Protein backbone atom coordinates (compact mmCIF):
# COMPACT_ATOMS: atom_id res chain seq x y z
CA MET A 1 70.67 107.15 121.46
CA SER A 2 71.84 110.53 120.23
CA GLU A 3 71.66 111.54 116.61
CA GLN A 4 75.07 111.87 114.94
CA SER A 5 75.70 115.15 113.18
CA TRP A 6 78.29 115.74 110.51
CA ASN A 7 80.38 118.86 110.53
CA MET A 8 80.83 119.87 106.94
CA PRO A 9 84.50 120.55 106.21
CA GLU A 10 85.59 123.80 104.64
CA VAL A 11 85.57 122.99 100.92
CA SER A 12 84.29 126.17 99.31
CA THR A 13 85.86 128.25 96.57
CA HIS A 14 88.02 125.45 95.21
CA SER A 15 88.38 124.54 91.55
CA ILE A 16 87.51 120.92 90.85
CA LEU A 17 87.98 118.81 87.74
CA LEU A 18 85.27 116.14 87.64
CA LEU A 19 85.85 113.19 85.30
CA GLU A 20 82.69 111.08 85.14
CA ASP A 21 81.07 109.46 82.10
CA ASP A 22 77.69 108.88 83.78
CA ASP A 23 75.79 112.13 83.09
CA GLN A 24 73.23 111.66 85.85
CA PHE A 25 75.84 110.94 88.53
CA ALA A 26 78.08 113.77 87.27
CA SER A 27 75.15 116.21 87.49
CA ILE A 28 74.42 115.17 91.07
CA LEU A 29 78.06 115.62 92.07
CA GLN A 30 78.36 118.95 90.28
CA GLU A 31 75.20 120.36 91.88
CA PHE A 32 76.33 119.18 95.31
CA LEU A 33 79.80 120.70 94.96
CA GLU A 34 78.41 123.97 93.65
CA LEU A 35 76.34 124.23 96.84
CA TYR A 36 79.72 124.71 98.55
CA SER A 37 80.73 127.38 96.01
CA CYS A 38 83.17 125.05 94.27
CA LYS A 39 83.94 125.82 90.64
CA VAL A 40 83.41 122.51 88.83
CA THR A 41 84.78 121.69 85.40
CA ARG A 42 83.06 118.54 84.17
CA VAL A 43 84.40 116.16 81.49
CA LYS A 44 83.40 112.66 80.34
CA ASP A 45 86.79 111.01 79.80
CA GLY A 46 90.51 111.23 80.41
CA VAL A 47 91.33 112.73 77.02
CA GLU A 48 89.14 115.78 77.65
CA GLY A 49 90.39 115.87 81.24
CA LEU A 50 93.97 116.00 79.99
CA ARG A 51 93.10 118.91 77.72
CA ARG A 52 91.76 120.78 80.76
CA ILE A 53 94.80 119.90 82.89
CA VAL A 54 97.11 121.34 80.23
CA THR A 55 95.36 124.70 80.30
CA ALA A 56 94.52 125.06 84.02
CA ASP A 57 95.41 123.93 87.53
CA PHE A 58 92.83 122.41 89.85
CA ASP A 59 92.63 122.16 93.61
CA LEU A 60 91.02 118.72 93.35
CA ILE A 61 90.52 116.05 90.70
CA LEU A 62 87.54 113.72 91.15
CA CYS A 63 88.24 110.87 88.76
CA ASP A 64 86.09 107.92 87.79
CA MET A 65 88.22 104.83 87.19
CA VAL A 66 86.15 103.24 84.41
CA MET A 67 85.58 105.60 81.49
CA PRO A 68 85.55 105.08 77.74
CA THR A 69 88.55 106.11 75.64
CA PHE A 70 90.96 106.88 78.48
CA PRO A 71 90.23 105.40 81.95
CA GLY A 72 91.21 106.88 85.30
CA ASP A 73 94.49 105.02 85.81
CA LYS A 74 95.76 106.07 82.37
CA PHE A 75 94.62 109.64 83.03
CA TYR A 76 96.59 109.67 86.28
CA ILE A 77 99.74 108.48 84.47
CA ALA A 78 99.32 111.24 81.88
CA VAL A 79 98.84 113.88 84.61
CA GLU A 80 101.93 112.54 86.35
CA ARG A 81 103.87 113.24 83.15
CA VAL A 82 102.58 116.75 82.55
CA LYS A 83 101.82 118.17 86.03
CA PRO A 84 103.03 115.78 88.73
CA MET A 85 102.18 118.23 91.51
CA LEU A 86 98.49 117.56 90.77
CA CYS A 87 98.79 113.83 91.50
CA LYS A 88 98.34 114.42 95.25
CA ARG A 89 94.98 116.07 94.51
CA PHE A 90 93.15 113.01 93.14
CA ILE A 91 90.12 111.31 94.61
CA PHE A 92 89.27 108.22 92.58
CA MET A 93 85.74 106.82 92.29
CA THR A 94 84.52 103.43 91.08
CA GLY A 95 81.73 100.96 91.51
CA HIS A 96 84.08 98.05 90.74
CA LYS A 97 85.10 97.22 94.30
CA ALA A 98 85.85 93.58 93.60
CA ASP A 99 88.28 94.34 90.75
CA PRO A 100 91.86 93.70 91.97
CA LYS A 101 93.23 95.89 89.13
CA TRP A 102 91.77 99.05 90.68
CA ASP A 103 92.74 98.08 94.20
CA SER A 104 96.31 97.42 93.10
CA PHE A 105 96.50 100.73 91.22
CA ILE A 106 95.13 102.76 94.15
CA ARG A 107 97.63 101.13 96.51
CA SER A 108 100.52 101.76 94.09
CA VAL A 109 99.80 105.51 93.88
CA ARG A 110 98.73 105.75 97.54
CA GLY A 111 95.48 107.32 96.42
CA LEU A 112 92.11 107.99 97.99
CA ILE A 113 89.15 106.11 96.59
CA LEU A 114 85.40 106.34 97.08
CA TRP A 115 83.51 103.15 96.28
CA LYS A 116 80.22 103.89 94.52
CA PRO A 117 77.63 104.37 95.77
CA PHE A 118 79.06 106.62 98.46
CA GLN A 119 77.60 109.12 100.89
CA MET A 120 78.18 112.81 100.21
CA HIS A 121 79.68 113.32 103.67
CA ASP A 122 82.35 110.75 102.69
CA LEU A 123 83.14 112.89 99.65
CA LEU A 124 83.46 115.98 101.83
CA ILE A 125 85.78 114.18 104.25
CA ALA A 126 87.96 112.98 101.36
CA MET A 127 88.03 116.52 99.97
CA ARG A 128 89.10 117.91 103.34
CA THR A 129 91.90 115.33 103.43
CA ILE A 130 93.17 116.44 100.02
CA PHE A 131 92.93 120.15 100.86
CA THR A 132 94.73 119.64 104.18
CA ARG A 133 97.45 117.59 102.47
CA SER A 134 97.85 120.26 99.78
CA ARG A 135 98.15 123.04 102.35
CA SER A 136 100.74 121.13 104.36
CA ASN A 137 102.77 120.50 101.20
CA GLY A 138 102.60 124.20 100.40
CA LEU A 139 101.24 123.49 96.92
CA ARG A 140 104.81 123.48 95.67
CA SER A 141 105.34 123.42 91.96
CA ALA A 142 107.59 120.86 90.27
CA ARG A 143 109.49 123.48 88.29
CA ARG A 144 112.96 122.39 89.40
CA GLY A 145 114.52 120.31 86.69
CA ILE A 146 116.14 120.12 83.31
CA GLU A 147 114.74 122.08 80.41
CA LEU A 148 114.07 119.77 77.48
CA ARG A 149 112.60 122.13 74.93
CA THR A 150 111.62 125.76 74.87
CA GLY A 151 109.33 127.27 72.31
CA GLY A 152 107.68 130.62 71.99
CA ARG A 153 104.50 129.42 73.69
CA SER A 154 105.49 126.52 75.91
CA GLN A 155 108.22 124.96 77.97
CA ALA A 156 108.88 121.30 78.76
CA LEU A 157 110.91 120.31 81.82
CA LEU A 158 112.17 117.03 83.18
CA SER A 159 111.75 116.98 86.95
CA PRO A 160 114.35 115.43 89.27
CA ARG A 161 112.17 112.28 89.44
CA GLY A 162 112.16 111.99 85.65
CA ASN A 163 108.59 113.20 85.22
CA LEU A 164 107.88 115.37 82.23
CA THR A 165 106.24 118.65 83.14
CA TYR A 166 104.85 121.03 80.60
CA SER A 167 103.87 124.61 81.21
CA LEU A 168 102.15 126.98 78.87
CA LEU A 169 103.55 130.48 78.61
CA ALA A 170 100.65 131.80 76.54
CA ALA A 171 97.09 130.79 75.72
CA PRO A 172 97.33 127.62 73.60
CA SER A 173 95.53 126.99 70.35
CA GLU A 174 93.28 123.95 69.94
CA ALA A 175 95.88 122.43 67.58
CA SER A 176 98.67 122.82 70.14
CA ILE A 177 96.51 121.27 72.87
CA ASN A 178 95.76 118.28 70.60
CA GLN A 179 99.46 117.92 69.77
CA LEU A 180 100.43 118.12 73.43
CA THR A 181 97.77 115.55 74.38
CA ARG A 182 99.20 113.10 71.82
CA PHE A 183 102.74 113.81 73.08
CA ILE A 184 101.83 113.20 76.72
CA THR A 185 100.03 109.92 76.05
CA ILE A 186 102.87 108.32 74.07
CA GLY A 187 103.75 105.02 75.68
CA ILE A 188 100.68 104.79 77.91
CA PRO A 189 99.09 101.38 77.18
CA LYS A 190 95.52 101.59 75.94
């Protein structure tokens, strides 16, 4: 019997937002991804993740489903409101395989999910899938739409699908990020 070898997909030099509340697991993932020269931004919950999304774009979002304060499904809904073009860049992770809530959510958003514990080669394959999908979509921005409000530092748009997008025209203050985070999460059930 021959030994199976795994070809590691090209994943280097990508920016990754990692949302994981388990410090030990997050450290393992971060170290692994940094071996491939990925730039990893690590946060513990969806609220902090949303603050990062507002100020930066990411090539990939690795998102735990069960987190305190703001779980993965609610985070996804918030990202869909503020930067819908990032929704195709999610890989969800959870150890709650038997929970129909997560299965139903993943199916509804047509997302990729890794069931914990997973093998690192499975993560790399999922990453390659996201990067290939992003390249084929041309990483188009959702900037077509109706302007809702324009300020000196920011601009809100309503996309043709009705999603709210929000772009920053200058470096935001902490107060404006907090205000925007509250604005984006209005109406998302807790």
